[in-house]
N, C-alpha and C. Protein backbone atom coordinates (compact mmCIF):
# COMPACT_ATOMS: atom_id res chain seq x y z
N MET A 1 112.80 86.91 165.29
CA MET A 1 112.16 87.73 165.24
C MET A 1 113.22 88.64 166.21
N ASP A 2 112.57 90.00 165.48
CA ASP A 2 113.22 91.31 166.16
C ASP A 2 111.87 91.52 167.54
N PHE A 3 112.19 91.83 168.34
CA PHE A 3 111.35 92.63 169.17
C PHE A 3 111.94 93.77 170.07
N TRP A 4 111.38 94.92 169.39
CA TRP A 4 111.47 96.23 169.84
C TRP A 4 111.00 96.60 171.53
N SER A 5 111.36 96.81 172.26
CA SER A 5 110.67 96.90 173.82
C SER A 5 111.48 97.59 174.25
N ASP A 6 110.71 98.23 175.25
CA ASP A 6 111.17 98.76 176.54
C ASP A 6 111.06 97.92 178.00
N LEU A 7 112.38 97.74 179.09
CA LEU A 7 112.26 96.90 180.09
C LEU A 7 111.21 97.40 180.80
N GLY A 8 110.71 99.16 181.19
CA GLY A 8 110.07 99.11 181.78
C GLY A 8 108.58 99.68 180.89
N CYS A 9 108.32 98.61 180.08
CA CYS A 9 106.77 98.82 179.67
C CYS A 9 106.06 97.29 179.79
N PRO A 10 105.28 97.22 180.51
CA PRO A 10 104.64 96.31 181.45
C PRO A 10 103.99 95.44 180.09
N TRP A 11 103.18 96.22 179.30
CA TRP A 11 102.86 95.36 177.90
C TRP A 11 104.25 94.35 177.05
N ALA A 12 105.06 95.14 177.03
CA ALA A 12 106.14 94.17 176.45
C ALA A 12 106.63 93.17 177.38
N SER A 13 106.49 93.10 178.94
CA SER A 13 106.74 92.47 179.13
C SER A 13 105.57 90.90 179.52
N LEU A 14 104.63 91.34 179.28
CA LEU A 14 103.47 90.62 179.29
C LEU A 14 103.87 89.68 177.78
N ALA A 15 104.16 90.54 176.78
CA ALA A 15 104.41 89.88 175.73
C ALA A 15 105.47 88.54 175.64
N VAL A 16 107.13 89.03 176.43
CA VAL A 16 107.60 88.27 176.59
C VAL A 16 107.60 87.04 177.33
N HIS A 17 106.52 86.88 178.24
CA HIS A 17 106.26 86.17 179.12
C HIS A 17 105.03 84.85 178.09
N ARG A 18 104.24 85.47 177.60
CA ARG A 18 103.53 85.04 177.03
C ARG A 18 104.40 84.06 175.19
N PHE A 19 105.26 84.55 174.52
CA PHE A 19 106.01 84.63 173.86
C PHE A 19 106.87 82.99 174.11
N ARG A 20 107.34 83.10 175.74
CA ARG A 20 108.02 82.00 176.02
C ARG A 20 107.21 81.02 176.47
N ALA A 21 106.22 81.29 176.91
CA ALA A 21 105.42 80.08 177.20
C ALA A 21 105.11 79.62 175.90
N ALA A 22 104.49 80.20 175.16
CA ALA A 22 104.36 79.24 173.55
C ALA A 22 104.94 78.65 172.92
N ARG A 23 106.19 79.22 172.98
CA ARG A 23 107.48 78.36 172.27
C ARG A 23 107.75 77.62 173.21
N ALA A 24 107.91 77.24 174.38
CA ALA A 24 108.12 75.91 175.23
C ALA A 24 106.77 75.18 174.94
N ALA A 25 105.59 75.47 174.81
CA ALA A 25 104.58 74.63 174.75
C ALA A 25 104.38 74.30 173.73
N LEU A 26 104.93 74.54 172.62
CA LEU A 26 105.13 73.97 170.97
C LEU A 26 106.44 73.06 170.90
N GLY A 27 107.15 73.17 172.02
CA GLY A 27 108.56 72.54 171.99
C GLY A 27 109.37 73.14 170.84
N LEU A 28 109.64 74.24 170.97
CA LEU A 28 110.39 75.14 170.23
C LEU A 28 111.29 75.75 170.79
N ASP A 29 111.85 75.36 171.69
CA ASP A 29 112.83 76.72 172.64
C ASP A 29 114.11 76.08 171.86
N GLY A 30 114.88 77.13 172.15
CA GLY A 30 116.06 76.62 170.94
C GLY A 30 116.24 77.06 169.47
N GLN A 31 114.48 76.93 168.69
CA GLN A 31 114.83 77.13 167.55
C GLN A 31 114.00 78.04 167.10
N VAL A 32 113.30 79.00 167.41
CA VAL A 32 113.06 80.07 167.70
C VAL A 32 113.45 81.16 168.36
N GLN A 33 113.73 82.20 167.83
CA GLN A 33 114.62 83.23 169.16
C GLN A 33 113.81 84.50 168.74
N LEU A 34 114.22 85.49 170.22
CA LEU A 34 113.95 87.09 170.30
C LEU A 34 115.27 87.51 169.85
N ARG A 35 115.32 88.64 168.82
CA ARG A 35 116.60 89.18 168.84
C ARG A 35 116.00 90.72 169.37
N HIS A 36 116.15 90.93 170.88
CA HIS A 36 116.06 92.01 171.22
C HIS A 36 116.60 93.48 170.75
N ARG A 37 115.96 94.65 170.66
CA ARG A 37 116.28 95.65 170.13
C ARG A 37 115.46 96.54 170.94
N ALA A 38 116.10 97.78 171.12
CA ALA A 38 115.65 98.59 172.26
C ALA A 38 114.74 99.81 171.52
N PHE A 39 113.74 99.97 172.47
CA PHE A 39 112.76 101.03 172.27
C PHE A 39 112.70 102.02 173.67
N PRO A 40 113.59 102.79 173.65
CA PRO A 40 113.93 103.67 175.56
C PRO A 40 113.05 104.69 175.20
N LEU A 41 112.10 104.31 175.63
CA LEU A 41 110.80 105.15 176.14
C LEU A 41 111.09 106.21 176.88
N GLU A 42 112.32 106.71 177.60
CA GLU A 42 112.82 107.85 178.31
C GLU A 42 113.48 108.49 177.21
N LEU A 43 114.04 108.44 176.83
CA LEU A 43 114.66 108.89 175.48
C LEU A 43 113.93 109.17 174.35
N ILE A 44 112.63 108.49 173.96
CA ILE A 44 112.05 109.09 172.79
C ILE A 44 110.70 110.09 173.65
N ASN A 45 110.81 109.73 174.60
CA ASN A 45 109.22 110.70 175.52
C ASN A 45 110.02 112.17 176.25
N GLY A 46 111.56 111.78 176.55
CA GLY A 46 112.11 112.91 177.11
C GLY A 46 111.95 112.61 178.60
N ARG A 47 111.17 111.90 179.35
CA ARG A 47 111.35 111.58 181.17
C ARG A 47 111.05 109.94 180.77
N GLY A 48 111.23 109.68 182.02
CA GLY A 48 110.93 108.38 182.73
C GLY A 48 109.67 108.12 182.58
N THR A 49 109.13 106.75 182.52
CA THR A 49 107.40 106.57 182.48
C THR A 49 107.28 106.82 184.01
N PRO A 50 106.32 107.42 184.30
CA PRO A 50 105.81 107.74 185.70
C PRO A 50 105.46 106.68 186.57
N LYS A 51 105.77 106.42 187.60
CA LYS A 51 105.58 105.33 188.90
C LYS A 51 103.96 105.21 188.32
N GLN A 52 103.09 106.08 188.61
CA GLN A 52 101.40 105.95 188.31
C GLN A 52 101.21 105.29 187.36
N THR A 53 101.69 105.47 186.25
CA THR A 53 101.34 105.15 185.00
C THR A 53 101.61 103.99 184.84
N LEU A 54 102.50 103.13 185.07
CA LEU A 54 102.85 101.96 185.10
C LEU A 54 102.15 100.99 186.51
N ASP A 55 101.78 101.66 187.43
CA ASP A 55 100.96 101.24 188.49
C ASP A 55 99.40 100.69 187.83
N ALA A 56 99.56 101.63 186.92
CA ALA A 56 97.77 101.62 186.68
C ALA A 56 97.51 100.36 185.69
N GLU A 57 98.98 100.26 184.96
CA GLU A 57 98.93 98.84 184.19
C GLU A 57 99.33 97.93 184.84
N HIS A 58 100.03 97.69 186.04
CA HIS A 58 100.50 96.63 186.47
C HIS A 58 99.03 96.29 187.27
N GLU A 59 97.94 97.03 187.66
CA GLU A 59 96.80 96.26 188.17
C GLU A 59 96.24 95.73 187.15
N VAL A 60 95.98 96.19 186.20
CA VAL A 60 95.12 95.96 184.92
C VAL A 60 95.94 94.60 184.48
N LEU A 61 97.38 93.89 184.63
CA LEU A 61 97.71 93.10 183.49
C LEU A 61 97.77 91.72 184.45
N THR A 62 97.68 92.14 186.03
CA THR A 62 98.06 91.21 187.03
C THR A 62 96.51 90.08 187.00
N LYS A 63 95.67 91.31 186.91
CA LYS A 63 94.20 90.57 186.64
C LYS A 63 93.75 89.39 185.03
N LEU A 64 95.12 90.31 184.14
CA LEU A 64 94.49 89.73 182.88
C LEU A 64 95.35 88.54 182.81
N GLN A 65 96.24 88.14 183.83
CA GLN A 65 97.40 87.70 183.57
C GLN A 65 97.70 86.91 184.76
N PRO A 66 97.15 86.40 185.63
CA PRO A 66 97.95 86.16 186.88
C PRO A 66 98.77 85.48 187.34
N ASP A 67 99.10 84.31 186.28
CA ASP A 67 100.18 83.70 186.54
C ASP A 67 101.65 84.36 186.30
N LEU A 68 101.65 86.01 185.46
CA LEU A 68 102.59 86.23 185.96
C LEU A 68 103.49 86.44 186.96
N GLY A 69 102.54 86.70 188.40
CA GLY A 69 103.33 86.91 189.28
C GLY A 69 103.92 87.87 189.81
N TRP A 70 103.30 88.93 189.01
CA TRP A 70 104.11 90.51 189.81
C TRP A 70 103.14 90.70 191.05
N ARG A 71 103.57 91.92 191.44
CA ARG A 71 103.85 92.37 192.90
C ARG A 71 103.80 94.02 192.70
N SER A 72 102.95 94.70 193.16
CA SER A 72 103.19 96.29 193.77
C SER A 72 104.75 96.39 194.41
N TRP A 73 105.06 97.79 194.00
CA TRP A 73 106.48 97.83 194.55
C TRP A 73 106.82 97.57 196.15
N THR A 74 107.37 97.04 196.71
CA THR A 74 107.62 96.08 197.79
C THR A 74 108.79 97.36 198.68
N ILE A 75 109.36 98.02 197.74
CA ILE A 75 110.88 98.31 198.97
C ILE A 75 110.43 99.77 198.86
N ASP A 76 111.65 100.46 199.80
CA ASP A 76 111.68 102.27 199.38
C ASP A 76 111.38 102.30 197.97
N GLU A 77 110.29 103.45 197.96
CA GLU A 77 110.45 103.95 196.72
C GLU A 77 111.89 105.15 196.13
N SER A 78 112.75 105.42 196.71
CA SER A 78 113.73 106.19 196.61
C SER A 78 114.43 105.02 195.75
N LEU A 79 114.58 103.48 195.96
CA LEU A 79 115.13 102.26 195.05
C LEU A 79 114.45 101.98 193.85
N TYR A 80 113.20 102.87 193.26
CA TYR A 80 113.00 102.50 192.25
C TYR A 80 113.22 103.06 190.74
N PRO A 81 113.47 102.41 189.93
CA PRO A 81 114.45 102.76 188.72
C PRO A 81 113.66 103.95 188.02
N GLY A 82 114.71 104.81 188.00
CA GLY A 82 114.19 105.91 187.39
C GLY A 82 114.76 106.04 186.12
N SER A 83 115.37 104.87 185.46
CA SER A 83 116.12 104.83 184.21
C SER A 83 116.24 103.31 183.60
N MET A 84 115.88 103.19 182.96
CA MET A 84 116.14 101.53 182.52
C MET A 84 117.14 101.40 180.82
N LEU A 85 117.91 102.67 181.08
CA LEU A 85 118.88 102.34 179.97
C LEU A 85 119.84 101.37 179.95
N LEU A 86 120.25 101.49 181.29
CA LEU A 86 121.54 100.13 181.74
C LEU A 86 120.87 98.68 181.54
N PRO A 87 119.93 98.93 181.90
CA PRO A 87 119.44 96.80 181.97
C PRO A 87 119.01 97.22 180.28
N LEU A 88 118.50 98.03 179.34
CA LEU A 88 118.60 97.83 178.10
C LEU A 88 119.46 97.44 177.34
N GLU A 89 120.92 98.39 177.98
CA GLU A 89 122.08 98.02 177.22
C GLU A 89 122.87 96.51 177.51
N ALA A 90 122.50 96.54 179.21
CA ALA A 90 122.82 94.59 179.35
C ALA A 90 122.25 93.92 178.58
N VAL A 91 121.15 93.88 178.24
CA VAL A 91 120.37 92.46 177.25
C VAL A 91 120.98 92.72 176.13
N ARG A 92 121.40 93.88 175.18
CA ARG A 92 121.99 94.14 174.29
C ARG A 92 123.41 93.66 174.35
N ALA A 93 124.11 94.21 175.49
CA ALA A 93 125.58 93.30 175.64
C ALA A 93 125.71 91.59 175.69
N ALA A 94 124.18 91.05 176.37
CA ALA A 94 124.53 90.02 176.33
C ALA A 94 124.27 88.72 174.54
N GLN A 95 124.27 89.67 173.96
CA GLN A 95 124.25 89.42 172.80
C GLN A 95 125.54 88.92 172.42
N PHE A 96 126.68 89.37 172.56
CA PHE A 96 127.68 89.47 172.22
C PHE A 96 128.22 87.64 172.62
N GLU A 97 128.64 87.17 171.55
CA GLU A 97 129.00 85.77 171.74
C GLU A 97 129.86 85.28 173.22
N ASP A 98 131.06 86.41 173.61
CA ASP A 98 131.67 86.02 174.76
C ASP A 98 130.42 85.50 176.06
N VAL A 99 129.42 86.60 175.53
CA VAL A 99 128.53 86.41 177.35
C VAL A 99 127.24 85.43 176.95
N GLY A 100 127.33 85.16 175.89
CA GLY A 100 126.68 83.97 175.54
C GLY A 100 125.28 83.58 174.46
N GLY A 101 125.13 85.64 173.43
CA GLY A 101 124.66 85.45 172.27
C GLY A 101 122.96 85.68 172.41
N LEU A 102 122.15 85.13 171.74
CA LEU A 102 121.22 85.49 171.67
C LEU A 102 120.19 84.74 172.65
N ARG A 103 120.65 83.75 173.29
CA ARG A 103 119.90 82.82 174.25
C ARG A 103 120.46 83.62 175.34
N ALA A 104 121.46 84.06 175.74
CA ALA A 104 121.60 84.20 176.84
C ALA A 104 121.06 86.10 177.01
N SER A 105 121.00 86.70 175.95
CA SER A 105 120.32 87.91 175.67
C SER A 105 118.68 87.90 175.70
N GLU A 106 118.14 86.95 175.77
CA GLU A 106 116.67 86.49 175.53
C GLU A 106 116.21 86.07 177.28
N ASP A 107 117.18 85.34 177.96
CA ASP A 107 117.09 85.05 179.35
C ASP A 107 117.21 85.89 180.01
N LEU A 108 118.27 86.86 180.10
CA LEU A 108 118.84 88.02 180.88
C LEU A 108 117.32 89.16 180.66
N ASP A 109 117.02 88.92 179.12
CA ASP A 109 115.83 90.40 179.23
C ASP A 109 114.30 89.83 180.03
N ALA A 110 114.04 88.52 180.20
CA ALA A 110 113.11 88.17 180.65
C ALA A 110 113.55 88.03 182.56
N ALA A 111 114.80 87.68 182.65
CA ALA A 111 114.86 87.79 184.06
C ALA A 111 115.44 88.50 184.73
N LEU A 112 115.16 90.00 184.34
CA LEU A 112 115.46 91.04 184.72
C LEU A 112 113.91 92.05 184.72
N ARG A 113 112.72 91.44 183.89
CA ARG A 113 111.38 92.31 183.70
C ARG A 113 110.91 91.19 185.27
N ARG A 114 111.35 90.07 185.41
CA ARG A 114 110.63 89.29 186.37
C ARG A 114 111.44 89.68 188.04
N ALA A 115 112.52 90.29 187.55
CA ALA A 115 113.25 90.74 188.70
C ALA A 115 112.57 92.25 189.29
N PHE A 116 112.13 93.13 188.07
CA PHE A 116 111.78 94.31 188.64
C PHE A 116 109.97 94.29 189.03
N TYR A 117 108.98 93.65 187.89
CA TYR A 117 107.87 93.51 187.98
C TYR A 117 107.42 92.41 189.21
N ALA A 118 108.12 91.32 189.54
CA ALA A 118 107.68 90.28 190.29
C ALA A 118 108.21 90.51 191.71
N GLU A 119 109.40 91.00 191.91
CA GLU A 119 110.57 91.20 192.79
C GLU A 119 110.95 91.99 193.46
N SER A 120 110.56 93.56 192.55
CA SER A 120 110.85 94.54 193.06
C SER A 120 112.10 95.29 193.71
N ARG A 121 112.86 94.17 192.48
CA ARG A 121 114.75 94.62 192.42
C ARG A 121 114.93 95.93 191.91
N PRO A 122 116.13 96.83 192.17
CA PRO A 122 116.19 98.17 191.75
C PRO A 122 117.22 97.45 190.03
N ILE A 123 116.94 96.95 189.09
CA ILE A 123 117.13 96.58 188.27
C ILE A 123 118.20 97.68 187.25
N HIS A 124 118.28 98.87 187.65
CA HIS A 124 118.79 99.84 187.00
C HIS A 124 120.34 100.07 187.65
N LEU A 125 120.58 99.41 188.90
CA LEU A 125 122.15 99.03 189.16
C LEU A 125 123.00 98.35 189.15
N HIS A 126 124.08 98.87 188.22
CA HIS A 126 124.98 97.56 187.77
C HIS A 126 125.22 96.58 188.87
N THR A 127 125.33 96.40 189.63
CA THR A 127 125.21 95.56 190.65
C THR A 127 123.99 94.47 190.59
N GLU A 128 122.98 95.16 190.46
CA GLU A 128 121.97 94.45 190.56
C GLU A 128 121.60 93.47 189.10
N ILE A 129 122.10 94.16 187.84
CA ILE A 129 122.04 93.61 186.78
C ILE A 129 122.76 91.93 187.24
N LEU A 130 124.15 92.51 188.00
CA LEU A 130 124.84 91.08 187.27
C LEU A 130 124.41 90.36 188.42
N ALA A 131 123.93 90.68 189.62
CA ALA A 131 123.16 89.89 190.37
C ALA A 131 122.14 88.63 189.83
N VAL A 132 121.24 89.60 188.80
CA VAL A 132 120.29 88.77 187.80
C VAL A 132 121.02 87.92 187.38
N ALA A 133 121.94 88.10 186.38
CA ALA A 133 122.58 87.72 185.42
C ALA A 133 123.47 86.06 186.24
N LYS A 134 123.82 86.09 187.00
CA LYS A 134 124.69 85.05 187.68
C LYS A 134 123.54 84.27 188.10
N ASP A 135 121.97 84.26 188.05
CA ASP A 135 121.41 83.21 188.39
C ASP A 135 120.71 82.84 186.55
N CYS A 136 120.89 83.51 185.62
CA CYS A 136 121.30 82.63 184.13
C CYS A 136 122.42 81.82 183.85
N GLU A 137 122.32 80.36 183.56
CA GLU A 137 122.77 79.46 183.51
C GLU A 137 123.86 79.91 182.02
N SER A 138 122.95 80.41 180.68
CA SER A 138 123.16 80.71 179.56
C SER A 138 124.16 81.89 179.63
N ILE A 139 124.50 82.89 180.76
CA ILE A 139 125.13 83.82 180.78
C ILE A 139 126.13 83.71 181.22
N ASP A 140 127.48 84.10 180.51
CA ASP A 140 128.79 84.43 181.61
C ASP A 140 128.74 85.83 182.16
N PRO A 141 128.99 86.11 183.24
CA PRO A 141 128.44 87.32 184.12
C PRO A 141 129.46 88.12 184.19
N ASP A 142 130.52 87.55 184.14
CA ASP A 142 132.05 88.22 184.22
C ASP A 142 132.46 89.05 182.70
N ALA A 143 132.22 87.99 181.73
CA ALA A 143 132.18 88.67 180.22
C ALA A 143 130.97 89.96 180.47
N LEU A 144 129.63 89.85 180.83
CA LEU A 144 128.85 90.90 180.96
C LEU A 144 129.25 92.09 181.37
N SER A 145 129.73 91.97 182.96
CA SER A 145 130.22 93.26 183.55
C SER A 145 131.54 93.91 182.58
N ARG A 146 132.53 93.03 182.09
CA ARG A 146 133.81 93.63 181.18
C ARG A 146 132.49 94.86 180.02
N HIS A 147 131.59 93.96 179.66
CA HIS A 147 131.37 94.87 178.33
C HIS A 147 130.37 96.25 178.73
N LEU A 148 129.38 95.89 180.58
CA LEU A 148 128.95 96.84 180.75
C LEU A 148 130.07 98.00 181.23
N GLU A 149 130.82 97.93 181.47
CA GLU A 149 132.39 98.53 182.45
C GLU A 149 132.76 99.45 181.25
N ALA A 150 133.17 98.78 179.96
CA ALA A 150 133.39 99.41 179.34
C ALA A 150 132.44 100.14 178.00
N GLY A 151 131.30 99.71 178.12
CA GLY A 151 129.83 100.31 177.29
C GLY A 151 130.03 100.30 175.72
N THR A 152 130.38 98.47 175.69
CA THR A 152 130.26 98.46 174.19
C THR A 152 129.24 98.59 173.33
N ALA A 153 128.15 98.16 174.70
CA ALA A 153 127.00 98.06 173.90
C ALA A 153 125.79 99.28 173.82
N ARG A 154 126.38 100.14 174.63
CA ARG A 154 125.69 101.97 174.43
C ARG A 154 125.49 102.48 173.18
N ALA A 155 126.46 102.46 172.50
CA ALA A 155 126.03 102.87 171.31
C ALA A 155 124.75 102.24 170.55
N GLN A 156 124.70 100.67 170.64
CA GLN A 156 123.62 100.29 169.73
C GLN A 156 122.23 100.62 170.21
N ILE A 157 122.08 101.00 171.45
CA ILE A 157 121.01 101.63 172.22
C ILE A 157 120.60 102.79 171.11
N PHE A 158 121.36 103.75 171.13
CA PHE A 158 121.16 105.01 170.42
C PHE A 158 121.44 104.77 169.02
N GLU A 159 121.70 103.45 168.09
CA GLU A 159 121.36 102.96 166.96
C GLU A 159 119.90 102.57 166.80
N ASP A 160 119.57 101.99 167.51
CA ASP A 160 117.90 101.79 167.41
C ASP A 160 117.16 102.98 167.95
N LEU A 161 117.30 104.09 168.76
CA LEU A 161 116.93 105.10 168.67
C LEU A 161 116.52 106.06 167.48
N ARG A 162 117.56 105.74 166.93
CA ARG A 162 117.98 106.77 165.69
C ARG A 162 117.27 105.81 164.42
N ARG A 163 116.93 104.43 164.54
CA ARG A 163 116.04 103.91 163.57
C ARG A 163 114.92 103.41 163.58
N TRP A 164 114.40 103.78 164.71
CA TRP A 164 113.15 102.79 165.32
C TRP A 164 112.01 103.29 163.95
N ARG A 165 112.08 105.02 164.17
CA ARG A 165 110.67 105.41 162.74
C ARG A 165 110.85 104.42 161.68
N ASP A 166 112.23 104.63 160.94
CA ASP A 166 112.20 104.08 159.49
C ASP A 166 112.06 102.68 159.52
N ALA A 167 111.86 101.98 160.80
CA ALA A 167 111.83 100.51 160.67
C ALA A 167 110.43 100.33 160.62
N GLY A 168 109.84 101.41 161.09
CA GLY A 168 108.10 100.85 161.06
C GLY A 168 107.76 100.54 162.39
N VAL A 169 108.57 100.75 163.67
CA VAL A 169 107.55 100.72 165.38
C VAL A 169 107.27 101.24 165.07
N GLN A 170 105.91 100.98 165.67
CA GLN A 170 104.59 101.73 166.45
C GLN A 170 104.63 101.91 167.93
N GLY A 171 105.45 101.38 168.64
CA GLY A 171 105.62 101.56 170.06
C GLY A 171 105.96 100.24 170.74
N SER A 172 105.98 100.02 172.06
CA SER A 172 106.68 99.03 173.07
C SER A 172 105.32 98.13 173.24
N PRO A 173 105.64 96.51 173.40
CA PRO A 173 106.61 95.81 171.94
C PRO A 173 106.28 95.83 171.09
N HIS A 174 106.71 95.54 170.21
CA HIS A 174 106.44 95.95 168.17
C HIS A 174 107.56 94.59 167.80
N LEU A 175 106.95 93.28 167.31
CA LEU A 175 107.71 92.48 166.99
C LEU A 175 107.76 92.53 164.94
N PHE A 176 108.86 91.96 164.85
CA PHE A 176 109.42 92.02 162.98
C PHE A 176 109.97 90.15 162.81
N PHE A 177 108.97 89.91 161.87
CA PHE A 177 109.37 88.49 161.42
C PHE A 177 110.07 88.48 159.95
N SER A 178 110.91 87.43 159.93
CA SER A 178 111.35 86.78 158.56
C SER A 178 111.02 86.67 157.55
N ASP A 179 109.51 86.99 157.65
CA ASP A 179 108.82 87.44 155.91
C ASP A 179 108.59 88.73 155.71
N GLY A 180 108.94 89.68 156.61
CA GLY A 180 108.57 91.01 156.81
C GLY A 180 107.35 91.52 157.23
N SER A 181 106.38 90.69 157.74
CA SER A 181 105.25 90.76 158.64
C SER A 181 105.81 91.50 159.87
N SER A 182 104.46 92.18 160.90
CA SER A 182 105.18 92.33 162.28
C SER A 182 103.55 92.89 163.04
N ALA A 183 103.55 92.70 164.19
CA ALA A 183 102.65 92.97 164.87
C ALA A 183 103.12 93.85 166.43
N HIS A 184 102.02 94.66 166.52
CA HIS A 184 102.11 95.62 167.26
C HIS A 184 101.52 95.04 168.79
N ASN A 185 102.14 95.08 169.71
CA ASN A 185 101.21 94.59 171.05
C ASN A 185 100.55 93.30 170.61
N PRO A 186 100.90 92.35 170.25
CA PRO A 186 100.21 91.25 169.75
C PRO A 186 99.10 90.53 170.80
N GLY A 187 97.68 90.70 170.09
CA GLY A 187 96.96 90.04 170.80
C GLY A 187 95.85 91.02 171.70
N VAL A 188 96.95 92.28 172.06
CA VAL A 188 96.05 93.26 173.13
C VAL A 188 95.43 94.28 172.27
N ALA A 189 94.17 95.05 172.63
CA ALA A 189 94.31 96.29 172.70
C ALA A 189 93.68 96.79 173.36
N ILE A 190 94.13 98.09 173.69
CA ILE A 190 94.20 98.75 174.79
C ILE A 190 93.29 100.31 174.70
N GLU A 191 92.70 101.04 175.47
CA GLU A 191 92.72 102.71 175.65
C GLU A 191 92.55 102.77 176.95
N TRP A 192 93.09 104.07 176.98
CA TRP A 192 92.93 105.18 177.95
C TRP A 192 92.23 105.95 177.85
N HIS A 193 91.76 106.14 179.40
CA HIS A 193 90.04 107.05 179.58
C HIS A 193 90.74 108.09 181.20
N ARG A 194 90.32 109.16 180.88
CA ARG A 194 90.89 109.99 182.08
C ARG A 194 89.31 110.55 182.74
N ASP A 195 89.21 110.34 184.14
CA ASP A 195 88.30 110.32 185.07
C ASP A 195 87.91 111.95 185.32
N SER A 196 87.15 111.92 186.11
CA SER A 196 86.58 113.19 186.60
C SER A 196 87.65 113.99 187.27
N GLY A 197 88.95 113.29 187.80
CA GLY A 197 89.18 114.02 188.72
C GLY A 197 91.00 114.42 188.27
N GLY A 198 90.85 113.62 186.98
CA GLY A 198 92.12 113.61 186.08
C GLY A 198 92.94 112.36 185.88
N ASP A 199 92.44 111.46 186.50
CA ASP A 199 93.40 110.14 186.71
C ASP A 199 93.11 109.68 185.15
N TRP A 200 94.56 109.01 184.74
CA TRP A 200 94.62 108.05 183.87
C TRP A 200 93.87 106.76 184.13
N HIS A 201 92.94 106.20 183.40
CA HIS A 201 92.78 104.23 183.74
C HIS A 201 92.99 103.76 182.36
N VAL A 202 94.06 102.61 182.68
CA VAL A 202 93.77 101.92 181.15
C VAL A 202 92.64 100.81 180.87
N GLU A 203 91.96 100.46 180.15
CA GLU A 203 90.99 99.59 179.56
C GLU A 203 91.25 98.62 178.70
N VAL A 204 91.39 97.06 178.86
CA VAL A 204 91.91 96.30 177.56
C VAL A 204 90.45 95.99 176.81
N VAL A 205 90.51 96.69 175.51
CA VAL A 205 89.47 96.21 174.95
C VAL A 205 89.54 95.29 174.28
N SER A 206 90.08 94.14 174.17
CA SER A 206 90.36 92.98 173.40
C SER A 206 91.99 92.19 173.84
N ASP A 207 92.01 91.15 174.03
CA ASP A 207 92.96 90.13 174.43
C ASP A 207 92.70 89.10 173.92
N ASP A 208 93.48 88.57 173.30
CA ASP A 208 93.84 86.78 172.60
C ASP A 208 95.43 86.59 173.35
N PRO A 209 95.22 85.24 174.42
CA PRO A 209 96.23 85.20 174.56
C PRO A 209 97.25 83.78 173.67
N GLY A 210 96.45 83.06 172.87
CA GLY A 210 96.84 82.37 171.88
C GLY A 210 97.48 82.83 170.68
N VAL A 211 97.71 84.24 170.90
CA VAL A 211 97.83 84.85 169.31
C VAL A 211 99.24 84.57 169.46
N PHE A 212 100.54 84.46 170.34
CA PHE A 212 102.09 84.04 170.18
C PHE A 212 102.33 82.55 169.73
N ALA A 213 101.28 81.44 169.68
CA ALA A 213 101.14 80.48 169.35
C ALA A 213 100.80 80.29 167.71
N GLU A 214 100.23 81.02 167.32
CA GLU A 214 99.81 81.12 165.81
C GLU A 214 100.98 81.98 165.30
N LEU A 215 101.79 83.19 166.22
CA LEU A 215 102.62 83.51 165.76
C LEU A 215 103.64 82.82 164.84
N ILE A 216 104.00 82.50 166.20
CA ILE A 216 105.33 81.17 166.31
C ILE A 216 104.95 80.01 165.14
N SER A 217 104.00 79.75 165.10
CA SER A 217 103.66 78.41 164.33
C SER A 217 103.79 78.65 162.49
N SER A 218 102.75 80.19 162.10
CA SER A 218 102.99 80.43 161.19
C SER A 218 104.50 80.76 161.13
N MET A 219 105.44 81.41 161.48
CA MET A 219 106.52 81.43 161.11
C MET A 219 107.42 80.26 161.28
N VAL A 220 107.29 79.26 161.84
CA VAL A 220 108.05 78.34 161.22
C VAL A 220 107.52 77.15 160.15
N ALA A 221 106.58 77.57 160.12
CA ALA A 221 105.84 76.72 158.81
C ALA A 221 106.09 77.47 157.35
N GLY A 222 106.26 79.02 157.64
CA GLY A 222 107.00 79.67 156.50
C GLY A 222 108.30 79.45 156.15
N SER A 223 109.06 79.17 156.99
CA SER A 223 110.68 79.22 157.00
C SER A 223 110.80 77.47 156.42
N GLN A 224 109.81 76.76 156.70
CA GLN A 224 110.32 75.68 156.01
C GLN A 224 109.52 75.24 154.79
N ARG A 225 108.59 76.51 154.10
CA ARG A 225 108.46 75.92 152.66
C ARG A 225 109.39 75.84 151.75
């Protein structure tokens, strides 16, 4: 499955959590994989996603899925990531075979999301990315560091930036399956409302946590026909 997203998108991070949990429950680890593609919101929007926007989404998501283990940012706000380009690049670089391939890329993506949302780690820093990578058994952190130093995956982020409209990406996250079908923010429908004070609030209109089990099962069944 091609998975277009931004690491700074909480909805994409919920989707990653649910996808990996559903795949494990179905006993399909190692058989169904995500191929991460970048939907770099800061390049599309011309600015980083404001912390207050992420905080509003964070609060809603922790109630929606308590086992995420997310917490509000706990360290100095000067260390809050202003850019997600380097971690996005690291996830793409991990797809190179000498780093670990698709499994390594998936593991690093999930670990970086956990580090940011649950552990308040500054994942925009080269040193922090490597520290996270060293805890992932599927990754060769030395090879990852070499690719980051050389910038070998940076061009892929900008290639994705040029391709997302033609690919039919509607936002973060958007999954594309081998049969040509796709799903934007699977199982979740949200609406934003502005209160009388001018502050924006997100409302979950509907939520189906079981959608990933259905999507994975359907894809596997289709591939076996």
